[in-house]
C-alpha atoms as a PDB file:
ATOM      1  CA  MET A   1      28.254  24.946  29.461  1.00  0.00           C
ATOM      2  CA  ASP A   2      25.295  22.981  28.359  1.00  0.00           C
ATOM      3  CA  SER A   3      22.144  25.138  27.880  1.00  0.00           C
ATOM      4  CA  THR A   4      19.308  23.705  29.469  1.00  0.00           C
ATOM      5  CA  LEU A   5      21.825  23.966  32.820  1.00  0.00           C
ATOM      6  CA  ARG A   6      22.448  27.241  32.494  1.00  0.00           C
ATOM      7  CA  ALA A   7      18.684  27.856  31.833  1.00  0.00           C
ATOM      8  CA  ARG A   8      17.673  26.097  35.133  1.00  0.00           C
ATOM      9  CA  LEU A   9      20.318  27.395  37.101  1.00  0.00           C
ATOM     10  CA  ALA A  10      19.552  30.904  35.687  1.00  0.00           C
ATOM     11  CA  ALA A  11      15.728  30.618  36.855  1.00  0.00           C
ATOM     12  CA  ALA A  12      16.882  29.124  39.533  1.00  0.00           C
ATOM     13  CA  GLY A  13      18.901  32.650  40.674  1.00  0.00           C
ATOM     14  CA  VAL A  14      22.156  31.661  39.858  1.00  0.00           C
ATOM     15  CA  ASP A  15      24.859  33.460  39.450  1.00  0.00           C
ATOM     16  CA  PRO A  16      26.501  33.345  35.613  1.00  0.00           C
ATOM     17  CA  GLU A  17      29.779  33.146  37.652  1.00  0.00           C
ATOM     18  CA  CYS A  18      28.702  30.429  40.141  1.00  0.00           C
ATOM     19  CA  ALA A  19      26.803  28.754  37.242  1.00  0.00           C
ATOM     20  CA  THR A  20      30.328  28.190  35.254  1.00  0.00           C
ATOM     21  CA  THR A  21      32.155  27.137  38.215  1.00  0.00           C
ATOM     22  CA  ILE A  22      29.363  24.045  38.997  1.00  0.00           C
ATOM     23  CA  GLU A  23      29.694  23.442  35.522  1.00  0.00           C
ATOM     24  CA  LEU A  24      33.517  22.640  35.902  1.00  0.00           C
ATOM     25  CA  VAL A  25      33.161  20.961  39.033  1.00  0.00           C
ATOM     26  CA  ARG A  26      30.614  18.786  37.401  1.00  0.00           C
ATOM     27  CA  ASP A  27      33.129  18.317  34.494  1.00  0.00           C
ATOM     28  CA  LEU A  28      35.732  17.665  36.669  1.00  0.00           C
ATOM     29  CA  LEU A  29      34.295  14.963  38.817  1.00  0.00           C
ATOM     30  CA  ALA A  30      33.642  13.217  35.954  1.00  0.00           C
ATOM     31  CA  ARG A  31      36.423  13.167  34.730  1.00  0.00           C
ATOM     32  CA  VAL A  32      38.832  12.652  38.010  1.00  0.00           C
ATOM     33  CA  GLY A  33      35.731   9.703  38.304  1.00  0.00           C
ATOM     34  CA  ASP A  34      36.651   7.931  35.513  1.00  0.00           C
ATOM     35  CA  LYS A  35      38.904   4.925  36.136  1.00  0.00           C
ATOM     36  CA  TRP A  36      41.057   5.449  33.037  1.00  0.00           C
ATOM     37  CA  THR A  37      41.793   9.005  34.454  1.00  0.00           C
ATOM     38  CA  VAL A  38      43.102   7.846  37.855  1.00  0.00           C
ATOM     39  CA  LEU A  39      45.110   4.759  36.121  1.00  0.00           C
ATOM     40  CA  VAL A  40      47.240   6.841  33.630  1.00  0.00           C
ATOM     41  CA  ILE A  41      47.762   9.724  36.719  1.00  0.00           C
ATOM     42  CA  GLY A  42      49.393   6.894  38.836  1.00  0.00           C
ATOM     43  CA  ALA A  43      50.987   5.491  36.075  1.00  0.00           C
ATOM     44  CA  LEU A  44      52.914   8.930  35.269  1.00  0.00           C
ATOM     45  CA  ALA A  45      53.086  10.652  38.906  1.00  0.00           C
ATOM     46  CA  GLU A  46      56.640   8.200  39.069  1.00  0.00           C
ATOM     47  CA  GLY A  47      57.364  10.271  35.729  1.00  0.00           C
ATOM     48  CA  PRO A  48      57.287  11.245  32.271  1.00  0.00           C
ATOM     49  CA  LEU A  49      56.743   8.294  29.804  1.00  0.00           C
ATOM     50  CA  ARG A  50      56.082   7.184  26.326  1.00  0.00           C
ATOM     51  CA  PHE A  51      52.491   6.313  25.027  1.00  0.00           C
ATOM     52  CA  THR A  52      53.730   2.354  25.247  1.00  0.00           C
ATOM     53  CA  ALA A  53      55.031   2.782  28.168  1.00  0.00           C
ATOM     54  CA  VAL A  54      51.753   4.399  30.340  1.00  0.00           C
ATOM     55  CA  HIS A  55      49.688   1.185  27.496  1.00  0.00           C
ATOM     56  CA  GLU A  56      51.429  -1.303  29.122  1.00  0.00           C
ATOM     57  CA  ARG A  57      51.376  -0.037  32.910  1.00  0.00           C
ATOM     58  CA  ILE A  58      47.318   0.029  32.226  1.00  0.00           C
ATOM     59  CA  ALA A  59      45.708  -3.390  32.261  1.00  0.00           C
ATOM     60  CA  GLY A  60      42.232  -3.306  30.024  1.00  0.00           C
ATOM     61  CA  VAL A  61      42.885  -0.042  28.186  1.00  0.00           C
ATOM     62  CA  SER A  62      42.305   0.221  24.342  1.00  0.00           C
ATOM     63  CA  GLN A  63      44.659   2.428  22.629  1.00  0.00           C
ATOM     64  CA  ARG A  64      42.096   4.250  21.669  1.00  0.00           C
ATOM     65  CA  MET A  65      40.722   4.900  25.107  1.00  0.00           C
ATOM     66  CA  LEU A  66      44.063   5.605  26.555  1.00  0.00           C
ATOM     67  CA  GLY A  67      44.700   8.188  23.311  1.00  0.00           C
ATOM     68  CA  HIS A  68      41.633   9.783  24.338  1.00  0.00           C
ATOM     69  CA  THR A  69      42.091  10.134  27.723  1.00  0.00           C
ATOM     70  CA  LEU A  70      45.186  11.806  27.379  1.00  0.00           C
ATOM     71  CA  ARG A  71      44.110  14.045  24.654  1.00  0.00           C
ATOM     72  CA  ALA A  72      41.505  15.338  27.385  1.00  0.00           C
ATOM     73  CA  LEU A  73      44.061  15.432  31.019  1.00  0.00           C
ATOM     74  CA  THR A  74      46.160  17.780  28.158  1.00  0.00           C
ATOM     75  CA  ARG A  75      43.085  19.580  27.501  1.00  0.00           C
ATOM     76  CA  ASP A  76      43.151  20.447  30.989  1.00  0.00           C
ATOM     77  CA  GLY A  77      46.569  21.094  31.675  1.00  0.00           C
ATOM     78  CA  LEU A  78      46.968  18.163  33.704  1.00  0.00           C
ATOM     79  CA  VAL A  79      49.584  16.237  31.313  1.00  0.00           C
ATOM     80  CA  THR A  80      52.006  17.419  28.978  1.00  0.00           C
ATOM     81  CA  ARG A  81      52.842  16.065  25.293  1.00  0.00           C
ATOM     82  CA  THR A  82      55.980  16.208  24.451  1.00  0.00           C
ATOM     83  CA  ALA A  83      57.338  15.282  20.702  1.00  0.00           C
ATOM     84  CA  HIS A  84      61.175  14.420  20.897  1.00  0.00           C
ATOM     85  CA  ALA A  85      62.244  15.747  16.931  1.00  0.00           C
ATOM     86  CA  GLU A  86      64.316  12.152  16.565  1.00  0.00           C
ATOM     87  CA  VAL A  87      64.210   9.103  14.255  1.00  0.00           C
ATOM     88  CA  PRO A  88      62.160   7.709  15.269  1.00  0.00           C
ATOM     89  CA  PRO A  89      59.899   9.974  16.702  1.00  0.00           C
ATOM     90  CA  ARG A  90      59.659  10.122  20.263  1.00  0.00           C
ATOM     91  CA  VAL A  91      56.631  11.001  22.744  1.00  0.00           C
ATOM     92  CA  GLU A  92      56.158  11.616  26.043  1.00  0.00           C
ATOM     93  CA  TYR A  93      53.730  11.861  29.143  1.00  0.00           C
ATOM     94  CA  ALA A  94      54.721  13.523  31.829  1.00  0.00           C
ATOM     95  CA  LEU A  95      51.884  15.793  34.618  1.00  0.00           C
ATOM     96  CA  THR A  96      52.353  19.105  34.913  1.00  0.00           C
ATOM     97  CA  PRO A  97      52.266  20.584  38.216  1.00  0.00           C
ATOM     98  CA  LEU A  98      48.763  20.748  38.270  1.00  0.00           C
ATOM     99  CA  GLY A  99      48.521  17.126  37.738  1.00  0.00           C
ATOM    100  CA  ARG A 100      51.084  15.865  40.226  1.00  0.00           C
ATOM    101  CA  SER A 101      48.517  17.780  43.150  1.00  0.00           C
ATOM    102  CA  LEU A 102      45.484  15.642  41.605  1.00  0.00           C
ATOM    103  CA  ALA A 103      48.479  12.647  41.735  1.00  0.00           C
ATOM    104  CA  ASP A 104      48.866  13.512  45.595  1.00  0.00           C
ATOM    105  CA  THR A 105      44.473  13.840  46.217  1.00  0.00           C
ATOM    106  CA  VAL A 106      44.340  10.123  43.814  1.00  0.00           C
ATOM    107  CA  ALA A 107      47.348   8.866  46.347  1.00  0.00           C
ATOM    108  CA  HIS A 108      46.009  10.085  49.445  1.00  0.00           C
ATOM    109  CA  THR A 109      42.173   8.922  48.407  1.00  0.00           C
ATOM    110  CA  VAL A 110      44.143   5.124  47.398  1.00  0.00           C
ATOM    111  CA  ARG A 111      45.647   4.942  51.097  1.00  0.00           C
ATOM    112  CA  TRP A 112      42.491   5.741  52.976  1.00  0.00           C
ATOM    113  CA  VAL A 113      40.808   3.151  50.879  1.00  0.00           C
ATOM    114  CA  GLN A 114      43.655   0.499  52.036  1.00  0.00           C
ATOM    115  CA  GLU A 115      43.078   1.721  55.530  1.00  0.00           C
ATOM    116  CA  HIS A 116      39.374   1.292  55.605  1.00  0.00           C
ATOM    117  CA  ARG A 117      38.857  -1.421  53.007  1.00  0.00           C
ATOM    118  CA  THR A 118      37.780  -4.039  56.204  1.00  0.00           C
ATOM    119  CA  GLU A 119      35.584  -1.708  57.219  1.00  0.00           C
ATOM    120  CA  ILE A 120      33.691  -0.782  53.973  1.00  0.00           C
ATOM    121  CA  LEU A 121      33.698  -4.729  52.833  1.00  0.00           C
ATOM    122  CA  ASP A 122      32.076  -5.859  56.414  1.00  0.00           C
ATOM    123  CA  ASN A 123      29.427  -3.162  55.914  1.00  0.00           C
ATOM    124  CA  ARG A 124      28.947  -3.857  52.081  1.00  0.00           C
ATOM    125  CA  GLU A 125      28.769  -7.673  53.173  1.00  0.00           C
ATOM    126  CA  ARG A 126      26.164  -6.773  56.165  1.00  0.00           C
ATOM    127  CA  PHE A 127      24.130  -4.793  53.864  1.00  0.00           C
ATOM    128  CA  ASP A 128      23.540  -7.170  51.185  1.00  0.00           C
ATOM    129  CA  ALA A 129      22.506  -9.544  53.597  1.00  0.00           C
ATOM    130  CA  ASP A 130      20.068  -7.673  55.393  1.00  0.00           C
ATOM    131  CA  THR A 131      18.737  -6.774  51.624  1.00  0.00           C
ATOM    132  CA  ALA A 132      18.601  -9.931  50.799  1.00  0.00           C
ATOM    133  CA  ALA A 133      16.573 -10.545  54.028  1.00  0.00           C
ATOM    134  CA  THR A 134      13.829  -8.271  52.892  1.00  0.00           C
ATOM    135  CA  PRO A 135      11.395  -8.948  51.319  1.00  0.00           C
END
């Protein structure tokens, strides 16, 4: 945990266990909120894929960023990396049960956006028009 945050939470009387939970929530929200994470989770929701197949399904992601994202998801236990002893070597990535539960949440969020798309766009348009009219 960030020592500055730890000190601020301790000064506020926050229990150390609670402070650890707060930090973990912040870290995971940052991870889940990352656009590449959501797209990788979505791609792997269909089943295990090799690195190149994941890369082909996610337009605009660099190999470096995809590698970084897959390592972070593996570290958090959301994705497994399986190296098969073959020639040429084959590595597959797949969602873990924990990652699959996140995929369900992501899919639910996408469905919510689809259902409320028109309302959200109308609200944005109205807000932008009101903001532009206000000096």
